[in-house]
Amino acid sequence: MFALIDLLIIPILLLLIGGIGIAGTVLWIWMLIDCATNEPAEGTDKLVWILVILFTHLLGALIYLLVRRPERRRVYGR
């Protein structure tokens, strides 16, 4: 009985984890491109955000998406 459940759960978990990994990578690339193309070039903000996103992967992309991007859109309109 347990072997049958294990045979069904393990592939589902692997697909779920793989899907989350792919979605995280897509978000990471999207935020890198968004930061590189839309962030104003004044000062070092652009470089700092690119480095934060680059070195912290999903966490940095989420921070940029939830914190900096709405502020940039409000201030600069892009």
C-alpha atoms as a PDB file:
ATOM      1  CA  MET A   1       0.000   0.000   0.000  1.00  0.00           C
ATOM      2  CA  PHE A   2       2.704   2.484   0.946  1.00  0.00           C
ATOM      3  CA  ALA A   3       4.766   1.618  -2.110  1.00  0.00           C
ATOM      4  CA  LEU A   4       1.866   2.547  -4.397  1.00  0.00           C
ATOM      5  CA  ILE A   5       1.403   5.906  -2.648  1.00  0.00           C
ATOM      6  CA  ASP A   6       5.130   6.587  -2.855  1.00  0.00           C
ATOM      7  CA  LEU A   7       5.105   5.794  -6.563  1.00  0.00           C
ATOM      8  CA  LEU A   8       2.372   8.376  -7.109  1.00  0.00           C
ATOM      9  CA  ILE A   9       3.565  11.132  -4.771  1.00  0.00           C
ATOM     10  CA  ILE A  10       7.232  11.283  -5.736  1.00  0.00           C
ATOM     11  CA  PRO A  11       6.683  12.156  -9.428  1.00  0.00           C
ATOM     12  CA  ILE A  12       4.051  14.736  -8.495  1.00  0.00           C
ATOM     13  CA  LEU A  13       6.416  16.368  -6.012  1.00  0.00           C
ATOM     14  CA  LEU A  14       9.239  16.380  -8.556  1.00  0.00           C
ATOM     15  CA  LEU A  15       6.996  18.059 -11.141  1.00  0.00           C
ATOM     16  CA  LEU A  16       5.846  20.621  -8.590  1.00  0.00           C
ATOM     17  CA  ILE A  17       9.385  21.465  -7.490  1.00  0.00           C
ATOM     18  CA  GLY A  18      10.556  21.626 -11.113  1.00  0.00           C
ATOM     19  CA  GLY A  19       7.671  23.940 -12.008  1.00  0.00           C
ATOM     20  CA  ILE A  20       8.484  26.261  -9.131  1.00  0.00           C
ATOM     21  CA  GLY A  21      12.131  26.296 -10.220  1.00  0.00           C
ATOM     22  CA  ILE A  22      11.248  27.163 -13.807  1.00  0.00           C
ATOM     23  CA  ALA A  23       8.802  29.875 -12.693  1.00  0.00           C
ATOM     24  CA  GLY A  24      11.455  31.327 -10.373  1.00  0.00           C
ATOM     25  CA  THR A  25      14.008  31.424 -13.166  1.00  0.00           C
ATOM     26  CA  VAL A  26      11.541  33.123 -15.526  1.00  0.00           C
ATOM     27  CA  LEU A  27      10.756  35.729 -12.840  1.00  0.00           C
ATOM     28  CA  TRP A  28      14.478  36.252 -12.228  1.00  0.00           C
ATOM     29  CA  ILE A  29      15.225  36.846 -15.916  1.00  0.00           C
ATOM     30  CA  TRP A  30      12.177  39.118 -16.274  1.00  0.00           C
ATOM     31  CA  MET A  31      13.253  41.283 -13.304  1.00  0.00           C
ATOM     32  CA  LEU A  32      16.842  41.475 -14.578  1.00  0.00           C
ATOM     33  CA  ILE A  33      15.634  42.676 -17.974  1.00  0.00           C
ATOM     34  CA  ASP A  34      13.115  45.071 -16.412  1.00  0.00           C
ATOM     35  CA  CYS A  35      15.745  46.585 -14.142  1.00  0.00           C
ATOM     36  CA  ALA A  36      18.354  46.887 -16.899  1.00  0.00           C
ATOM     37  CA  THR A  37      15.979  48.547 -19.374  1.00  0.00           C
ATOM     38  CA  ASN A  38      13.655  50.662 -17.216  1.00  0.00           C
ATOM     39  CA  GLU A  39      15.623  51.694 -14.148  1.00  0.00           C
ATOM     40  CA  PRO A  40      16.915  55.289 -14.448  1.00  0.00           C
ATOM     41  CA  ALA A  41      20.668  55.571 -14.975  1.00  0.00           C
ATOM     42  CA  GLU A  42      21.099  58.280 -12.332  1.00  0.00           C
ATOM     43  CA  GLY A  43      23.529  57.358  -9.573  1.00  0.00           C
ATOM     44  CA  THR A  44      24.316  53.751  -8.795  1.00  0.00           C
ATOM     45  CA  ASP A  45      20.777  52.490  -8.121  1.00  0.00           C
ATOM     46  CA  LYS A  46      20.579  50.601 -11.405  1.00  0.00           C
ATOM     47  CA  LEU A  47      23.878  48.780 -10.840  1.00  0.00           C
ATOM     48  CA  VAL A  48      23.051  47.969  -7.222  1.00  0.00           C
ATOM     49  CA  TRP A  49      19.629  46.529  -8.113  1.00  0.00           C
ATOM     50  CA  ILE A  50      21.088  44.465 -10.952  1.00  0.00           C
ATOM     51  CA  LEU A  51      23.700  43.032  -8.576  1.00  0.00           C
ATOM     52  CA  VAL A  52      21.086  42.330  -5.891  1.00  0.00           C
ATOM     53  CA  ILE A  53      18.871  40.492  -8.397  1.00  0.00           C
ATOM     54  CA  LEU A  54      21.821  38.690  -9.958  1.00  0.00           C
ATOM     55  CA  PHE A  55      23.366  37.358  -6.742  1.00  0.00           C
ATOM     56  CA  THR A  56      20.224  36.612  -4.708  1.00  0.00           C
ATOM     57  CA  HIS A  57      18.246  34.982  -7.562  1.00  0.00           C
ATOM     58  CA  LEU A  58      14.588  34.491  -6.617  1.00  0.00           C
ATOM     59  CA  LEU A  59      14.721  36.434  -3.353  1.00  0.00           C
ATOM     60  CA  GLY A  60      16.264  39.488  -5.039  1.00  0.00           C
ATOM     61  CA  ALA A  61      13.785  39.301  -7.922  1.00  0.00           C
ATOM     62  CA  LEU A  62      10.864  39.178  -5.479  1.00  0.00           C
ATOM     63  CA  ILE A  63      12.231  42.108  -3.470  1.00  0.00           C
ATOM     64  CA  TYR A  64      12.657  44.140  -6.657  1.00  0.00           C
ATOM     65  CA  LEU A  65       9.166  43.186  -7.883  1.00  0.00           C
ATOM     66  CA  LEU A  66       7.416  44.013  -4.608  1.00  0.00           C
ATOM     67  CA  VAL A  67       9.464  46.991  -3.367  1.00  0.00           C
ATOM     68  CA  ARG A  68      11.374  48.865  -6.051  1.00  0.00           C
ATOM     69  CA  ARG A  69       9.290  48.317  -9.181  1.00  0.00           C
ATOM     70  CA  PRO A  70       6.055  49.890  -7.815  1.00  0.00           C
ATOM     71  CA  GLU A  71       8.059  52.833  -6.453  1.00  0.00           C
ATOM     72  CA  ARG A  72       9.856  53.345  -9.778  1.00  0.00           C
ATOM     73  CA  ARG A  73       6.573  53.195 -11.691  1.00  0.00           C
ATOM     74  CA  ARG A  74       5.022  55.748  -9.323  1.00  0.00           C
ATOM     75  CA  VAL A  75       7.955  58.178  -9.484  1.00  0.00           C
ATOM     76  CA  TYR A  76       9.135  57.768 -13.092  1.00  0.00           C
ATOM     77  CA  GLY A  77       6.018  56.368 -14.758  1.00  0.00           C
ATOM     78  CA  ARG A  78       7.844  53.453 -16.417  1.00  0.00           C
END
